[in-house]
Amino acid sequence: MKQPQRFLIIQTAFIGDVILATSLIEKLRYHFPDATIDFLLRKGNEGLLQTHPLLNEVLVWDKKKEKYAGLLRLSKEIRRRRYDTIINLQRFGATGLLTAFSGAGETIGFDKNPFARAFTRTVRHRIEPGVHEVDRNTALVSGFTNQQVFRPKLYPSPADLDLVRTYQNGPYICLAPTSVWFTKQYPEEKWVDFIREVPGDLTVYLLGAPSDVDACERIRRAAGREQVVNLAGRLPLLASAALMAGARMNFVNDSAPLHLASSVNAPTTAVFCSTVPQFGFGPLADDAFVVEIEEILECRPCNLHGRKACPLGHFQCARGIRTDQLLASLRD
């Protein structure tokens, strides 16, 4: 049987999902060193992978401006390329349709995809304790490789490394205080309490997207100490990863910066509020800590992905976390 040599990985969800999908790039390159590997993602995330040394090409789908017209163009382009194997990491109809009608020799995806019956191979999607997202993704290719799971990995460029070098003159920590979902976000006032207790010899760099500038600035001002620097919106994602790699510790929510830290094996303290690491999105770095409320709450977890507000109004899953729990990872 001819081994597949031309792969397409499809992951058009959010930044964290793309980062975790890079574990498959590493695994496919290991098993098929001469293969051509392409990756399809949504517009806005291409900066993560455009200079990835193991990829041949990054295909971009503009889901906001040209959702259906763009999907049609992609469908034609993918059929033209005649992939041996397409690996669809998503469970949504649009990419399922793209996969089913790709003309690829083999199409692989999760059984929960609406078009799964049209795939040549499906794998059960499991959300179970002890099963990480990278384990779920690996299961899609284990049938023609093996069970070994590779760590997700990103490759900051020399320009990214140069960009952050000026911030690495002394010991520091990075803190990414925001999240798209309110109930995944440790409250601003709690971050402020934590920063005030951080040892004085450590600079605190606040990281985030341009949309996070105001929140980070509020935290910086409220903290009331000089060694807090707001870098939100000032660093590309790969430069942020490079900065995180050199930090004494990185403090993150259950959000994209957590996976950014994992991708460069940076020390990580992940704060879980309404969600739980058992969903499969915990830190993967060698030096990793999980912080969550020690009290058992019947309402937690309240949702797989987080909510725009606490359904019960108290947000105890976040407010009940103590500052000393975060500080413990700086002492260990």
C-alpha atoms as a PDB file:
ATOM      1  CA  MET A   1       0.000   0.000   0.000  1.00  0.00           C
ATOM      2  CA  LYS A   2       1.334   3.400  -0.988  1.00  0.00           C
ATOM      3  CA  GLN A   3       2.144   5.586   2.015  1.00  0.00           C
ATOM      4  CA  PRO A   4       0.497   9.021   1.969  1.00  0.00           C
ATOM      5  CA  GLN A   5       2.999  11.747   1.171  1.00  0.00           C
ATOM      6  CA  ARG A   6       0.872  14.860   0.679  1.00  0.00           C
ATOM      7  CA  PHE A   7      -1.058  15.969   3.770  1.00  0.00           C
ATOM      8  CA  LEU A   8      -3.491  18.738   4.595  1.00  0.00           C
ATOM      9  CA  ILE A   9      -4.353  19.512   8.224  1.00  0.00           C
ATOM     10  CA  ILE A  10      -7.550  21.523   8.729  1.00  0.00           C
ATOM     11  CA  GLN A  11      -8.044  23.621  11.859  1.00  0.00           C
ATOM     12  CA  THR A  12      -9.925  26.890  11.262  1.00  0.00           C
ATOM     13  CA  ALA A  13     -10.946  27.525  14.889  1.00  0.00           C
ATOM     14  CA  PHE A  14      -9.185  29.855  17.317  1.00  0.00           C
ATOM     15  CA  ILE A  15      -5.533  30.547  18.101  1.00  0.00           C
ATOM     16  CA  GLY A  16      -5.230  27.972  20.864  1.00  0.00           C
ATOM     17  CA  ASP A  17      -6.735  25.253  18.680  1.00  0.00           C
ATOM     18  CA  VAL A  18      -4.214  25.985  15.922  1.00  0.00           C
ATOM     19  CA  ILE A  19      -1.327  25.881  18.379  1.00  0.00           C
ATOM     20  CA  LEU A  20      -2.396  22.501  19.747  1.00  0.00           C
ATOM     21  CA  ALA A  21      -2.776  21.198  16.186  1.00  0.00           C
ATOM     22  CA  THR A  22       0.941  21.781  15.593  1.00  0.00           C
ATOM     23  CA  SER A  23       1.599  18.542  17.482  1.00  0.00           C
ATOM     24  CA  LEU A  24       0.371  16.759  14.336  1.00  0.00           C
ATOM     25  CA  ILE A  25       2.821  18.681  12.164  1.00  0.00           C
ATOM     26  CA  GLU A  26       5.642  17.391  14.348  1.00  0.00           C
ATOM     27  CA  LYS A  27       4.295  13.840  14.288  1.00  0.00           C
ATOM     28  CA  LEU A  28       3.701  13.682  10.543  1.00  0.00           C
ATOM     29  CA  ARG A  29       7.147  15.099   9.803  1.00  0.00           C
ATOM     30  CA  TYR A  30       8.705  12.509  12.128  1.00  0.00           C
ATOM     31  CA  HIS A  31       6.969   9.582  10.404  1.00  0.00           C
ATOM     32  CA  PHE A  32       7.119  10.986   6.856  1.00  0.00           C
ATOM     33  CA  PRO A  33      10.267  13.126   6.636  1.00  0.00           C
ATOM     34  CA  ASP A  34       9.878  13.694   2.871  1.00  0.00           C
ATOM     35  CA  ALA A  35       6.160  14.483   2.914  1.00  0.00           C
ATOM     36  CA  THR A  36       4.531  17.744   1.868  1.00  0.00           C
ATOM     37  CA  ILE A  37       2.439  19.120   4.746  1.00  0.00           C
ATOM     38  CA  ASP A  38      -0.010  21.990   4.255  1.00  0.00           C
ATOM     39  CA  PHE A  39      -2.237  23.601   6.878  1.00  0.00           C
ATOM     40  CA  LEU A  40      -5.611  25.333   6.501  1.00  0.00           C
ATOM     41  CA  LEU A  41      -6.549  27.943   9.117  1.00  0.00           C
ATOM     42  CA  ARG A  42      -8.762  31.001   9.474  1.00  0.00           C
ATOM     43  CA  LYS A  43      -7.614  34.471   8.499  1.00  0.00           C
ATOM     44  CA  GLY A  44      -5.969  36.221  11.439  1.00  0.00           C
ATOM     45  CA  ASN A  45      -4.109  33.142  12.657  1.00  0.00           C
ATOM     46  CA  GLU A  46      -1.703  32.786   9.754  1.00  0.00           C
ATOM     47  CA  GLY A  47       1.077  34.653  11.601  1.00  0.00           C
ATOM     48  CA  LEU A  48       1.506  31.589  13.797  1.00  0.00           C
ATOM     49  CA  LEU A  49       2.504  29.272  10.973  1.00  0.00           C
ATOM     50  CA  GLN A  50       3.555  31.258   7.904  1.00  0.00           C
ATOM     51  CA  THR A  51       7.257  30.802   8.694  1.00  0.00           C
ATOM     52  CA  HIS A  52       6.886  27.307  10.179  1.00  0.00           C
ATOM     53  CA  PRO A  53       9.912  25.343   8.936  1.00  0.00           C
ATOM     54  CA  LEU A  54       8.069  22.016   8.665  1.00  0.00           C
ATOM     55  CA  LEU A  55       5.167  23.288   6.552  1.00  0.00           C
ATOM     56  CA  ASN A  56       5.030  23.604   2.807  1.00  0.00           C
ATOM     57  CA  GLU A  57       2.180  26.113   2.646  1.00  0.00           C
ATOM     58  CA  VAL A  58      -0.462  27.741   4.826  1.00  0.00           C
ATOM     59  CA  LEU A  59      -3.920  28.077   3.282  1.00  0.00           C
ATOM     60  CA  VAL A  60      -6.114  30.860   4.677  1.00  0.00           C
ATOM     61  CA  TRP A  61      -9.920  30.989   4.877  1.00  0.00           C
ATOM     62  CA  ASP A  62     -11.458  34.418   5.497  1.00  0.00           C
ATOM     63  CA  LYS A  63     -14.478  33.228   7.461  1.00  0.00           C
ATOM     64  CA  LYS A  64     -15.728  36.736   8.237  1.00  0.00           C
ATOM     65  CA  LYS A  65     -15.644  38.515   4.884  1.00  0.00           C
ATOM     66  CA  GLU A  66     -15.893  35.651   2.370  1.00  0.00           C
ATOM     67  CA  LYS A  67     -17.216  32.685   4.274  1.00  0.00           C
ATOM     68  CA  TYR A  68     -19.034  30.856   1.463  1.00  0.00           C
ATOM     69  CA  ALA A  69     -17.271  32.323  -1.567  1.00  0.00           C
ATOM     70  CA  GLY A  70     -13.951  31.625   0.131  1.00  0.00           C
ATOM     71  CA  LEU A  71     -15.047  28.105   0.975  1.00  0.00           C
ATOM     72  CA  LEU A  72     -15.886  27.460  -2.669  1.00  0.00           C
ATOM     73  CA  ARG A  73     -12.488  28.752  -3.828  1.00  0.00           C
ATOM     74  CA  LEU A  74     -10.734  26.632  -1.230  1.00  0.00           C
ATOM     75  CA  SER A  75     -12.694  23.584  -2.286  1.00  0.00           C
ATOM     76  CA  LYS A  76     -11.536  23.992  -5.883  1.00  0.00           C
ATOM     77  CA  GLU A  77      -7.941  24.620  -4.818  1.00  0.00           C
ATOM     78  CA  ILE A  78      -7.869  21.624  -2.497  1.00  0.00           C
ATOM     79  CA  ARG A  79      -9.271  19.336  -5.179  1.00  0.00           C
ATOM     80  CA  ARG A  80      -6.637  20.627  -7.602  1.00  0.00           C
ATOM     81  CA  ARG A  81      -3.834  19.733  -5.193  1.00  0.00           C
ATOM     82  CA  ARG A  82      -4.865  16.061  -4.951  1.00  0.00           C
ATOM     83  CA  TYR A  83      -3.890  15.443  -1.346  1.00  0.00           C
ATOM     84  CA  ASP A  84      -3.212  11.880  -0.294  1.00  0.00           C
ATOM     85  CA  THR A  85      -4.624  12.491   3.175  1.00  0.00           C
ATOM     86  CA  ILE A  86      -6.740  15.253   4.689  1.00  0.00           C
ATOM     87  CA  ILE A  87      -6.966  15.384   8.480  1.00  0.00           C
ATOM     88  CA  ASN A  88      -9.876  17.487   9.722  1.00  0.00           C
ATOM     89  CA  LEU A  89      -9.567  18.379  13.400  1.00  0.00           C
ATOM     90  CA  GLN A  90     -12.955  20.103  13.600  1.00  0.00           C
ATOM     91  CA  ARG A  91     -16.490  18.967  14.227  1.00  0.00           C
ATOM     92  CA  PHE A  92     -18.342  21.567  12.159  1.00  0.00           C
ATOM     93  CA  GLY A  93     -20.201  21.248   8.892  1.00  0.00           C
ATOM     94  CA  ALA A  94     -18.279  23.715   6.720  1.00  0.00           C
ATOM     95  CA  THR A  95     -14.900  22.035   7.031  1.00  0.00           C
ATOM     96  CA  GLY A  96     -16.615  18.644   6.992  1.00  0.00           C
ATOM     97  CA  LEU A  97     -18.095  19.490   3.608  1.00  0.00           C
ATOM     98  CA  LEU A  98     -14.709  20.706   2.416  1.00  0.00           C
ATOM     99  CA  THR A  99     -13.137  17.426   3.523  1.00  0.00           C
ATOM    100  CA  ALA A 100     -15.832  15.150   2.142  1.00  0.00           C
ATOM    101  CA  PHE A 101     -15.638  16.648  -1.346  1.00  0.00           C
ATOM    102  CA  SER A 102     -11.873  17.187  -1.410  1.00  0.00           C
ATOM    103  CA  GLY A 103     -11.074  14.324  -3.733  1.00  0.00           C
ATOM    104  CA  ALA A 104      -8.332  13.224  -1.347  1.00  0.00           C
ATOM    105  CA  GLY A 105      -7.336   9.576  -1.249  1.00  0.00           C
ATOM    106  CA  GLU A 106      -8.066   9.435   2.473  1.00  0.00           C
ATOM    107  CA  THR A 107     -10.197  11.763   4.585  1.00  0.00           C
ATOM    108  CA  ILE A 108     -10.030  11.523   8.363  1.00  0.00           C
ATOM    109  CA  GLY A 109     -12.073  13.308  10.996  1.00  0.00           C
ATOM    110  CA  PHE A 110     -14.055  13.008  14.212  1.00  0.00           C
ATOM    111  CA  ASP A 111     -17.302  11.075  14.324  1.00  0.00           C
ATOM    112  CA  LYS A 112     -19.175  14.159  15.569  1.00  0.00           C
ATOM    113  CA  ASN A 113     -18.655  16.023  12.308  1.00  0.00           C
ATOM    114  CA  PRO A 114     -21.974  16.299  10.395  1.00  0.00           C
ATOM    115  CA  PHE A 115     -20.250  14.931   7.279  1.00  0.00           C
ATOM    116  CA  ALA A 116     -18.388  12.148   9.077  1.00  0.00           C
ATOM    117  CA  ARG A 117     -20.193   9.430   7.107  1.00  0.00           C
ATOM    118  CA  ALA A 118     -18.547  10.716   3.952  1.00  0.00           C
ATOM    119  CA  PHE A 119     -15.035  10.436   5.421  1.00  0.00           C
ATOM    120  CA  THR A 120     -12.958   7.357   4.721  1.00  0.00           C
ATOM    121  CA  ARG A 121     -12.022   7.092   8.404  1.00  0.00           C
ATOM    122  CA  THR A 122     -13.550   8.488  11.591  1.00  0.00           C
ATOM    123  CA  VAL A 123     -12.377   8.545  15.189  1.00  0.00           C
ATOM    124  CA  ARG A 124     -14.508   8.908  18.295  1.00  0.00           C
ATOM    125  CA  HIS A 125     -14.166  12.336  19.903  1.00  0.00           C
ATOM    126  CA  ARG A 126     -13.580  11.847  23.628  1.00  0.00           C
ATOM    127  CA  ILE A 127     -13.799  14.401  26.423  1.00  0.00           C
ATOM    128  CA  GLU A 128     -12.644  12.345  29.368  1.00  0.00           C
ATOM    129  CA  PRO A 129     -10.313  12.857  32.352  1.00  0.00           C
ATOM    130  CA  GLY A 130      -6.720  12.233  31.316  1.00  0.00           C
ATOM    131  CA  VAL A 131      -7.381  12.835  27.613  1.00  0.00           C
ATOM    132  CA  HIS A 132      -5.784  16.039  26.337  1.00  0.00           C
ATOM    133  CA  GLU A 133      -6.685  17.759  23.077  1.00  0.00           C
ATOM    134  CA  VAL A 134      -3.340  16.652  21.624  1.00  0.00           C
ATOM    135  CA  ASP A 135      -4.319  13.047  22.478  1.00  0.00           C
ATOM    136  CA  ARG A 136      -7.615  13.483  20.646  1.00  0.00           C
ATOM    137  CA  ASN A 137      -5.842  14.924  17.615  1.00  0.00           C
ATOM    138  CA  THR A 138      -3.198  12.198  17.651  1.00  0.00           C
ATOM    139  CA  ALA A 139      -5.917   9.544  17.515  1.00  0.00           C
ATOM    140  CA  LEU A 140      -6.790  10.796  14.020  1.00  0.00           C
ATOM    141  CA  VAL A 141      -3.415   9.706  12.636  1.00  0.00           C
ATOM    142  CA  SER A 142      -2.481   6.826  14.947  1.00  0.00           C
ATOM    143  CA  GLY A 143      -3.981   4.330  12.503  1.00  0.00           C
ATOM    144  CA  PHE A 144      -1.136   4.882  10.033  1.00  0.00           C
ATOM    145  CA  THR A 145       1.565   6.031  12.492  1.00  0.00           C
ATOM    146  CA  ASN A 146       1.442   4.994  16.164  1.00  0.00           C
ATOM    147  CA  GLN A 147       0.128   6.156  19.550  1.00  0.00           C
ATOM    148  CA  GLN A 148       3.041   8.471  20.356  1.00  0.00           C
ATOM    149  CA  VAL A 149       1.920  12.021  21.169  1.00  0.00           C
ATOM    150  CA  PHE A 150       4.122  14.948  20.179  1.00  0.00           C
ATOM    151  CA  ARG A 151       4.156  18.266  21.980  1.00  0.00           C
ATOM    152  CA  PRO A 152       2.771  21.270  20.080  1.00  0.00           C
ATOM    153  CA  LYS A 153       5.598  23.476  18.865  1.00  0.00           C
ATOM    154  CA  LEU A 154       5.982  26.945  17.379  1.00  0.00           C
ATOM    155  CA  TYR A 155       9.123  28.467  15.930  1.00  0.00           C
ATOM    156  CA  PRO A 156       9.807  32.141  16.755  1.00  0.00           C
ATOM    157  CA  SER A 157      12.001  33.667  14.054  1.00  0.00           C
ATOM    158  CA  PRO A 158      15.343  35.432  14.628  1.00  0.00           C
ATOM    159  CA  ALA A 159      13.414  38.708  14.230  1.00  0.00           C
ATOM    160  CA  ASP A 160      11.031  37.656  17.021  1.00  0.00           C
ATOM    161  CA  LEU A 161      13.970  36.808  19.269  1.00  0.00           C
ATOM    162  CA  ASP A 162      15.622  40.152  18.518  1.00  0.00           C
ATOM    163  CA  LEU A 163      12.396  42.012  19.230  1.00  0.00           C
ATOM    164  CA  VAL A 164      12.119  40.727  22.800  1.00  0.00           C
ATOM    165  CA  ARG A 165      15.799  40.718  23.700  1.00  0.00           C
ATOM    166  CA  THR A 166      15.574  44.261  25.060  1.00  0.00           C
ATOM    167  CA  TYR A 167      13.062  43.035  27.670  1.00  0.00           C
ATOM    168  CA  GLN A 168      15.286  40.205  28.895  1.00  0.00           C
ATOM    169  CA  ASN A 169      17.991  42.116  30.767  1.00  0.00           C
ATOM    170  CA  GLY A 170      16.834  40.854  34.142  1.00  0.00           C
ATOM    171  CA  PRO A 171      14.533  38.267  35.738  1.00  0.00           C
ATOM    172  CA  TYR A 172      10.874  38.612  34.797  1.00  0.00           C
ATOM    173  CA  ILE A 173       7.495  36.949  34.669  1.00  0.00           C
ATOM    174  CA  CYS A 174       4.813  37.237  31.988  1.00  0.00           C
ATOM    175  CA  LEU A 175       1.143  37.610  32.772  1.00  0.00           C
ATOM    176  CA  ALA A 176      -1.660  37.292  30.200  1.00  0.00           C
ATOM    177  CA  PRO A 177      -4.676  38.466  32.210  1.00  0.00           C
ATOM    178  CA  THR A 178      -7.533  38.373  29.677  1.00  0.00           C
ATOM    179  CA  SER A 179      -9.711  35.863  27.849  1.00  0.00           C
ATOM    180  CA  VAL A 180     -12.426  36.015  25.218  1.00  0.00           C
ATOM    181  CA  TRP A 181     -14.784  34.434  27.766  1.00  0.00           C
ATOM    182  CA  PHE A 182     -15.569  36.260  31.007  1.00  0.00           C
ATOM    183  CA  THR A 183     -15.832  33.101  33.102  1.00  0.00           C
ATOM    184  CA  LYS A 184     -12.394  31.922  31.959  1.00  0.00           C
ATOM    185  CA  GLN A 185     -10.798  35.191  33.040  1.00  0.00           C
ATOM    186  CA  TYR A 186      -9.314  35.620  36.500  1.00  0.00           C
ATOM    187  CA  PRO A 187     -10.711  38.981  37.713  1.00  0.00           C
ATOM    188  CA  GLU A 188      -8.632  42.133  37.205  1.00  0.00           C
ATOM    189  CA  GLU A 189      -8.638  43.014  40.897  1.00  0.00           C
ATOM    190  CA  LYS A 190      -7.330  39.531  41.729  1.00  0.00           C
ATOM    191  CA  TRP A 191      -4.474  39.946  39.232  1.00  0.00           C
ATOM    192  CA  VAL A 192      -3.694  43.290  40.860  1.00  0.00           C
ATOM    193  CA  ASP A 193      -3.540  41.657  44.307  1.00  0.00           C
ATOM    194  CA  PHE A 194      -1.177  39.034  42.922  1.00  0.00           C
ATOM    195  CA  ILE A 195       1.152  41.529  41.195  1.00  0.00           C
ATOM    196  CA  ARG A 196       1.495  43.505  44.420  1.00  0.00           C
ATOM    197  CA  GLU A 197       2.832  40.357  46.110  1.00  0.00           C
ATOM    198  CA  VAL A 198       5.293  39.389  43.360  1.00  0.00           C
ATOM    199  CA  PRO A 199       8.925  39.629  44.584  1.00  0.00           C
ATOM    200  CA  GLY A 200      10.381  43.065  43.878  1.00  0.00           C
ATOM    201  CA  ASP A 201      13.311  41.768  41.830  1.00  0.00           C
ATOM    202  CA  LEU A 202      10.950  40.501  39.117  1.00  0.00           C
ATOM    203  CA  THR A 203       9.647  42.638  36.267  1.00  0.00           C
ATOM    204  CA  VAL A 204       6.056  41.845  35.285  1.00  0.00           C
ATOM    205  CA  TYR A 205       5.237  41.935  31.556  1.00  0.00           C
ATOM    206  CA  LEU A 206       1.545  42.098  30.710  1.00  0.00           C
ATOM    207  CA  LEU A 207       0.764  40.332  27.415  1.00  0.00           C
ATOM    208  CA  GLY A 208      -2.277  40.432  25.172  1.00  0.00           C
ATOM    209  CA  ALA A 209      -3.786  41.399  21.844  1.00  0.00           C
ATOM    210  CA  PRO A 210      -4.506  44.999  20.773  1.00  0.00           C
ATOM    211  CA  SER A 211      -8.016  44.541  22.194  1.00  0.00           C
ATOM    212  CA  ASP A 212      -6.471  43.846  25.617  1.00  0.00           C
ATOM    213  CA  VAL A 213      -4.487  47.090  25.897  1.00  0.00           C
ATOM    214  CA  ASP A 214      -7.026  48.909  28.081  1.00  0.00           C
ATOM    215  CA  ALA A 215      -7.531  45.999  30.479  1.00  0.00           C
ATOM    216  CA  CYS A 216      -3.784  45.539  30.888  1.00  0.00           C
ATOM    217  CA  GLU A 217      -3.324  49.265  31.442  1.00  0.00           C
ATOM    218  CA  ARG A 218      -5.956  49.279  34.193  1.00  0.00           C
ATOM    219  CA  ILE A 219      -4.123  46.424  35.894  1.00  0.00           C
ATOM    220  CA  ARG A 220      -0.742  48.148  35.499  1.00  0.00           C
ATOM    221  CA  ARG A 221      -1.966  51.378  37.045  1.00  0.00           C
ATOM    222  CA  ALA A 222      -3.854  49.711  39.878  1.00  0.00           C
ATOM    223  CA  ALA A 223      -0.848  47.565  40.805  1.00  0.00           C
ATOM    224  CA  GLY A 224       1.086  50.698  41.721  1.00  0.00           C
ATOM    225  CA  ARG A 225       4.609  49.411  41.110  1.00  0.00           C
ATOM    226  CA  GLU A 226       7.210  50.482  38.572  1.00  0.00           C
ATOM    227  CA  GLN A 227       8.272  47.050  37.398  1.00  0.00           C
ATOM    228  CA  VAL A 228       5.015  46.377  35.535  1.00  0.00           C
ATOM    229  CA  VAL A 229       5.177  46.872  31.752  1.00  0.00           C
ATOM    230  CA  ASN A 230       2.144  46.766  29.471  1.00  0.00           C
ATOM    231  CA  LEU A 231       3.161  44.980  26.261  1.00  0.00           C
ATOM    232  CA  ALA A 232      -0.369  44.185  25.097  1.00  0.00           C
ATOM    233  CA  GLY A 233      -0.728  44.831  21.381  1.00  0.00           C
ATOM    234  CA  ARG A 234       2.988  45.518  20.977  1.00  0.00           C
ATOM    235  CA  LEU A 235       4.305  42.034  20.206  1.00  0.00           C
ATOM    236  CA  PRO A 236       3.385  39.542  17.472  1.00  0.00           C
ATOM    237  CA  LEU A 237       2.284  36.155  18.779  1.00  0.00           C
ATOM    238  CA  LEU A 238       5.594  34.447  18.054  1.00  0.00           C
ATOM    239  CA  ALA A 239       7.514  37.256  19.744  1.00  0.00           C
ATOM    240  CA  SER A 240       5.262  36.846  22.786  1.00  0.00           C
ATOM    241  CA  ALA A 241       6.102  33.151  22.749  1.00  0.00           C
ATOM    242  CA  ALA A 242       9.807  33.992  22.626  1.00  0.00           C
ATOM    243  CA  LEU A 243       9.422  36.290  25.629  1.00  0.00           C
ATOM    244  CA  MET A 244       7.479  33.641  27.537  1.00  0.00           C
ATOM    245  CA  ALA A 245      10.210  31.096  26.875  1.00  0.00           C
ATOM    246  CA  GLY A 246      12.701  33.148  28.895  1.00  0.00           C
ATOM    247  CA  ALA A 247      10.387  34.001  31.788  1.00  0.00           C
ATOM    248  CA  ARG A 248      10.800  32.787  35.349  1.00  0.00           C
ATOM    249  CA  MET A 249       7.096  31.905  35.138  1.00  0.00           C
ATOM    250  CA  ASN A 250       4.098  32.646  32.914  1.00  0.00           C
ATOM    251  CA  PHE A 251       0.680  33.231  34.462  1.00  0.00           C
ATOM    252  CA  VAL A 252      -2.239  32.598  32.133  1.00  0.00           C
ATOM    253  CA  ASN A 253      -5.951  31.818  32.038  1.00  0.00           C
ATOM    254  CA  ASP A 254      -7.475  28.826  30.276  1.00  0.00           C
ATOM    255  CA  SER A 255      -6.970  30.604  26.950  1.00  0.00           C
ATOM    256  CA  ALA A 256      -4.623  30.953  23.975  1.00  0.00           C
ATOM    257  CA  PRO A 257      -1.562  32.213  25.943  1.00  0.00           C
ATOM    258  CA  LEU A 258      -1.609  28.947  27.908  1.00  0.00           C
ATOM    259  CA  HIS A 259      -1.058  27.010  24.688  1.00  0.00           C
ATOM    260  CA  LEU A 260       1.443  29.595  23.456  1.00  0.00           C
ATOM    261  CA  ALA A 261       3.518  28.809  26.541  1.00  0.00           C
ATOM    262  CA  SER A 262       3.183  25.064  25.920  1.00  0.00           C
ATOM    263  CA  SER A 263       4.403  25.500  22.330  1.00  0.00           C
ATOM    264  CA  VAL A 264       7.804  26.769  23.513  1.00  0.00           C
ATOM    265  CA  ASN A 265       7.923  24.636  26.684  1.00  0.00           C
ATOM    266  CA  ALA A 266       7.801  27.771  28.840  1.00  0.00           C
ATOM    267  CA  PRO A 267       7.096  27.477  32.589  1.00  0.00           C
ATOM    268  CA  THR A 268       3.362  27.871  33.061  1.00  0.00           C
ATOM    269  CA  THR A 269       0.911  28.577  35.852  1.00  0.00           C
ATOM    270  CA  ALA A 270      -2.572  28.123  34.416  1.00  0.00           C
ATOM    271  CA  VAL A 271      -5.563  29.541  36.280  1.00  0.00           C
ATOM    272  CA  PHE A 272      -8.808  27.650  35.687  1.00  0.00           C
ATOM    273  CA  CYS A 273     -11.981  29.433  36.754  1.00  0.00           C
ATOM    274  CA  SER A 274     -15.270  28.082  35.337  1.00  0.00           C
ATOM    275  CA  THR A 275     -13.591  25.407  33.202  1.00  0.00           C
ATOM    276  CA  VAL A 276     -11.472  22.475  34.360  1.00  0.00           C
ATOM    277  CA  PRO A 277      -8.243  20.946  33.011  1.00  0.00           C
ATOM    278  CA  GLN A 278     -10.062  17.610  32.678  1.00  0.00           C
ATOM    279  CA  PHE A 279     -11.631  18.994  29.489  1.00  0.00           C
ATOM    280  CA  GLY A 280      -8.225  18.435  27.914  1.00  0.00           C
ATOM    281  CA  PHE A 281      -6.727  21.900  27.553  1.00  0.00           C
ATOM    282  CA  GLY A 282      -4.268  22.019  30.427  1.00  0.00           C
ATOM    283  CA  PRO A 283      -0.608  23.121  30.228  1.00  0.00           C
ATOM    284  CA  LEU A 284       1.911  20.788  28.587  1.00  0.00           C
ATOM    285  CA  ALA A 285       5.206  22.401  29.573  1.00  0.00           C
ATOM    286  CA  ASP A 286       7.662  20.418  31.681  1.00  0.00           C
ATOM    287  CA  ASP A 287       7.364  23.053  34.424  1.00  0.00           C
ATOM    288  CA  ALA A 288       3.597  23.500  34.744  1.00  0.00           C
ATOM    289  CA  PHE A 289       1.136  24.242  37.535  1.00  0.00           C
ATOM    290  CA  VAL A 290      -2.646  24.344  37.604  1.00  0.00           C
ATOM    291  CA  VAL A 291      -4.415  26.735  39.956  1.00  0.00           C
ATOM    292  CA  GLU A 292      -8.134  26.375  40.666  1.00  0.00           C
ATOM    293  CA  ILE A 293     -10.501  26.876  43.554  1.00  0.00           C
ATOM    294  CA  GLU A 294      -9.944  24.314  46.294  1.00  0.00           C
ATOM    295  CA  GLU A 295     -13.599  24.403  47.341  1.00  0.00           C
ATOM    296  CA  ILE A 296     -15.929  21.985  45.559  1.00  0.00           C
ATOM    297  CA  LEU A 297     -18.631  23.910  43.700  1.00  0.00           C
ATOM    298  CA  GLU A 298     -21.665  22.070  42.364  1.00  0.00           C
ATOM    299  CA  CYS A 299     -21.918  24.616  39.541  1.00  0.00           C
ATOM    300  CA  ARG A 300     -18.361  24.048  38.293  1.00  0.00           C
ATOM    301  CA  PRO A 301     -17.689  23.428  35.494  1.00  0.00           C
ATOM    302  CA  CYS A 302     -20.658  25.304  34.085  1.00  0.00           C
ATOM    303  CA  ASN A 303     -19.685  25.095  30.419  1.00  0.00           C
ATOM    304  CA  LEU A 304     -17.092  23.503  28.145  1.00  0.00           C
ATOM    305  CA  HIS A 305     -15.923  26.764  26.568  1.00  0.00           C
ATOM    306  CA  GLY A 306     -16.720  29.439  29.138  1.00  0.00           C
ATOM    307  CA  ARG A 307     -19.552  31.978  29.359  1.00  0.00           C
ATOM    308  CA  LYS A 308     -20.045  35.712  28.956  1.00  0.00           C
ATOM    309  CA  ALA A 309     -21.167  35.962  32.591  1.00  0.00           C
ATOM    310  CA  CYS A 310     -21.500  33.747  35.655  1.00  0.00           C
ATOM    311  CA  PRO A 311     -24.974  32.128  35.408  1.00  0.00           C
ATOM    312  CA  LEU A 312     -25.421  32.397  39.185  1.00  0.00           C
ATOM    313  CA  GLY A 313     -23.903  35.863  39.547  1.00  0.00           C
ATOM    314  CA  HIS A 314     -21.309  35.060  42.221  1.00  0.00           C
ATOM    315  CA  PHE A 315     -18.341  33.890  40.055  1.00  0.00           C
ATOM    316  CA  GLN A 316     -17.000  32.057  43.082  1.00  0.00           C
ATOM    317  CA  CYS A 317     -14.933  29.694  40.894  1.00  0.00           C
ATOM    318  CA  ALA A 318     -12.628  32.664  40.234  1.00  0.00           C
ATOM    319  CA  ARG A 319     -13.100  34.841  43.284  1.00  0.00           C
ATOM    320  CA  GLY A 320     -12.440  31.902  45.584  1.00  0.00           C
ATOM    321  CA  ILE A 321      -8.897  31.393  44.271  1.00  0.00           C
ATOM    322  CA  ARG A 322      -6.317  32.817  46.681  1.00  0.00           C
ATOM    323  CA  THR A 323      -3.289  34.919  45.785  1.00  0.00           C
ATOM    324  CA  ASP A 324      -0.987  32.568  47.679  1.00  0.00           C
ATOM    325  CA  GLN A 325      -2.004  29.748  45.316  1.00  0.00           C
ATOM    326  CA  LEU A 326      -0.509  31.690  42.404  1.00  0.00           C
ATOM    327  CA  LEU A 327       2.556  32.754  44.369  1.00  0.00           C
ATOM    328  CA  ALA A 328       3.335  29.125  45.222  1.00  0.00           C
ATOM    329  CA  SER A 329       4.639  28.433  41.708  1.00  0.00           C
ATOM    330  CA  LEU A 330       7.232  31.193  42.114  1.00  0.00           C
ATOM    331  CA  ARG A 331       8.547  29.521  45.259  1.00  0.00           C
ATOM    332  CA  ASP A 332       8.713  25.950  43.907  1.00  0.00           C
END
